[in-house]
Amino acid sequence: MSTKHRVLIADDNEANVELLEAYLAGLDLEIAIAVDGQDTLDKVASFNPDLILLDIMMPKLSGFEVCQRLKADPVSRKIMILMVTALNELGDIERAVEAGTDDFLSKPVNKLELVKRVEIMLRLRSNSDELERLRRYIEEMEGNR
């Protein structure tokens, strides 16, 4: 009954998107693409991803802004966010952490590192979903006593 994990790649550079898709091709994933910050927020609502590979430098809204909005919303808060960026200044990493990112990866992206981080983050997401289901089940059982 395991359903495919959903990954949203948010990047305005088509070559980056194609590279990330190629790197993730070996994993059993459903992938959607967003081309700017606003498109990312719209796709989150319609696609409901488990993980977002989020570029920081995008038109309309930056990755920082997108991350902040998603993490502030109870509906999207649990989506794992992996910021992928050419920025590797300490200040940018601090801003990403302050925005609520779960992890970050510097460009150029190393395929093995990307695949491993995606696998780990999806496993963490599954575990937290499972814990949430168990918590609700226990609450229901206690309520039925």
Protein backbone atom coordinates (compact mmCIF):
# COMPACT_ATOMS: atom_id res chain seq x y z
CA MET A 1 0.00 0.00 0.00
CA SER A 2 3.02 2.29 -0.15
CA THR A 3 2.39 5.33 -2.27
CA LYS A 4 5.05 7.13 -4.21
CA HIS A 5 6.72 10.03 -2.48
CA ARG A 6 6.06 13.38 -4.13
CA VAL A 7 8.95 15.73 -4.76
CA LEU A 8 8.57 19.29 -6.01
CA ILE A 9 11.59 20.78 -7.79
CA ALA A 10 11.41 24.58 -7.54
CA ASP A 11 13.98 26.26 -9.79
CA ASP A 12 13.69 28.87 -12.55
CA ASN A 13 16.66 27.42 -14.46
CA GLU A 14 15.58 24.65 -16.82
CA ALA A 15 19.05 23.07 -16.96
CA ASN A 16 19.12 22.79 -13.15
CA VAL A 17 15.66 21.20 -13.15
CA GLU A 18 16.67 18.65 -15.79
CA LEU A 19 19.84 17.80 -13.87
CA LEU A 20 17.97 17.30 -10.57
CA GLU A 21 15.33 15.18 -12.34
CA ALA A 22 18.06 13.04 -13.93
CA TYR A 23 19.81 12.59 -10.58
CA LEU A 24 16.54 11.47 -8.94
CA ALA A 25 15.48 9.21 -11.81
CA GLY A 26 16.62 6.08 -9.95
CA LEU A 27 14.22 6.73 -7.06
CA ASP A 28 10.54 5.80 -7.19
CA LEU A 29 9.17 9.34 -7.01
CA GLU A 30 6.42 11.45 -8.45
CA ILE A 31 8.02 14.75 -9.48
CA ALA A 32 6.47 18.14 -10.22
CA ILE A 33 8.21 21.34 -11.30
CA ALA A 34 7.72 24.94 -10.16
CA VAL A 35 9.37 27.80 -12.07
CA ASP A 36 9.26 30.65 -9.52
CA GLY A 37 8.38 31.40 -5.91
CA GLN A 38 4.66 31.99 -6.44
CA ASP A 39 4.38 28.91 -8.69
CA THR A 40 5.99 26.92 -5.86
CA LEU A 41 3.32 28.01 -3.38
CA ASP A 42 0.57 27.21 -5.93
CA LYS A 43 2.05 23.77 -6.69
CA VAL A 44 2.36 22.95 -2.97
CA ALA A 45 -1.40 23.47 -2.67
CA SER A 46 -2.27 21.30 -5.69
CA PHE A 47 0.53 18.67 -5.67
CA ASN A 48 0.98 18.25 -1.89
CA PRO A 49 4.67 17.26 -1.96
CA ASP A 50 6.55 15.37 0.76
CA LEU A 51 9.77 17.20 -0.11
CA ILE A 52 10.67 20.39 -1.97
CA LEU A 53 14.05 20.95 -3.61
CA LEU A 54 13.97 24.72 -3.35
CA ASP A 55 16.28 27.09 -5.22
CA ILE A 56 16.95 30.31 -3.29
CA MET A 57 17.38 32.75 -6.19
CA MET A 58 14.01 32.71 -8.00
CA PRO A 59 11.71 35.34 -9.52
CA LYS A 60 8.58 36.66 -7.74
CA LEU A 61 9.46 35.21 -4.32
CA SER A 62 12.87 34.03 -3.16
CA GLY A 63 13.39 30.56 -1.75
CA PHE A 64 13.78 32.20 1.67
CA GLU A 65 10.30 33.77 1.40
CA VAL A 66 8.72 30.58 0.08
CA CYS A 67 10.27 28.53 2.89
CA GLN A 68 9.14 31.02 5.55
CA ARG A 69 5.55 31.00 4.28
CA LEU A 70 5.37 27.20 4.04
CA LYS A 71 6.83 26.67 7.52
CA ALA A 72 4.48 29.29 9.03
CA ASP A 73 1.39 27.51 7.64
CA PRO A 74 0.12 24.54 9.71
CA VAL A 75 -1.03 22.81 6.50
CA SER A 76 2.41 22.87 4.82
CA ARG A 77 4.67 23.02 7.88
CA LYS A 78 5.60 19.32 7.76
CA ILE A 79 6.79 19.37 4.13
CA MET A 80 10.53 18.72 4.12
CA ILE A 81 12.51 21.51 2.43
CA LEU A 82 15.98 21.03 0.98
CA MET A 83 17.34 24.38 -0.21
CA VAL A 84 19.59 24.03 -3.22
CA THR A 85 21.73 27.08 -3.78
CA ALA A 86 24.77 28.52 -5.46
CA LEU A 87 25.05 30.81 -2.44
CA ASN A 88 27.36 29.38 0.16
CA GLU A 89 28.09 32.44 2.24
CA LEU A 90 27.56 31.84 5.96
CA GLY A 91 24.90 34.59 6.03
CA ASP A 92 22.86 32.78 3.36
CA ILE A 93 23.00 29.52 5.28
CA GLU A 94 21.89 31.36 8.44
CA ARG A 95 19.01 32.98 6.51
CA ALA A 96 17.98 29.54 5.18
CA VAL A 97 17.95 28.11 8.70
CA GLU A 98 16.01 31.12 10.02
CA ALA A 99 13.49 30.66 7.18
CA GLY A 100 12.94 27.10 8.44
CA THR A 101 14.72 24.94 5.89
CA ASP A 102 15.29 21.33 6.91
CA ASP A 103 18.60 21.07 5.06
CA PHE A 104 20.61 22.74 2.31
CA LEU A 105 22.84 21.66 -0.54
CA SER A 106 25.31 23.81 -2.48
CA LYS A 107 25.53 23.92 -6.25
CA PRO A 108 27.04 22.32 -8.19
CA VAL A 109 25.02 19.46 -6.73
CA ASN A 110 26.76 16.15 -6.14
CA LYS A 111 24.48 13.32 -7.33
CA LEU A 112 25.27 10.88 -4.51
CA GLU A 113 24.85 13.56 -1.84
CA LEU A 114 21.52 14.69 -3.34
CA VAL A 115 20.11 11.14 -3.60
CA LYS A 116 21.17 10.23 -0.05
CA ARG A 117 19.72 13.42 1.45
CA VAL A 118 16.46 12.98 -0.45
CA GLU A 119 16.17 9.37 0.74
CA ILE A 120 16.87 10.35 4.36
CA MET A 121 14.48 13.31 4.31
CA LEU A 122 11.69 11.21 2.80
CA ARG A 123 12.28 8.54 5.45
CA LEU A 124 12.07 11.20 8.18
CA ARG A 125 8.84 12.51 6.64
CA SER A 126 7.36 8.98 6.57
CA ASN A 127 8.38 8.38 10.17
CA SER A 128 6.80 11.61 11.36
CA ASP A 129 3.59 10.82 9.40
CA GLU A 130 3.51 7.37 11.02
CA LEU A 131 4.02 8.86 14.49
CA GLU A 132 1.19 11.32 13.84
CA ARG A 133 -1.13 8.45 12.79
CA LEU A 134 -0.22 6.45 15.91
CA ARG A 135 -0.79 9.49 18.14
CA ARG A 136 -4.26 10.04 16.66
CA TYR A 137 -5.07 6.32 16.98
CA ILE A 138 -4.07 6.30 20.66
CA GLU A 139 -6.15 9.44 21.32
CA GLU A 140 -9.17 7.80 19.64
CA MET A 141 -8.73 4.61 21.66
CA GLU A 142 -8.45 6.57 24.91
CA GLY A 143 -11.54 8.55 23.93
CA ASN A 144 -13.51 5.33 23.37
CA ARG A 145 -12.94 3.98 26.88
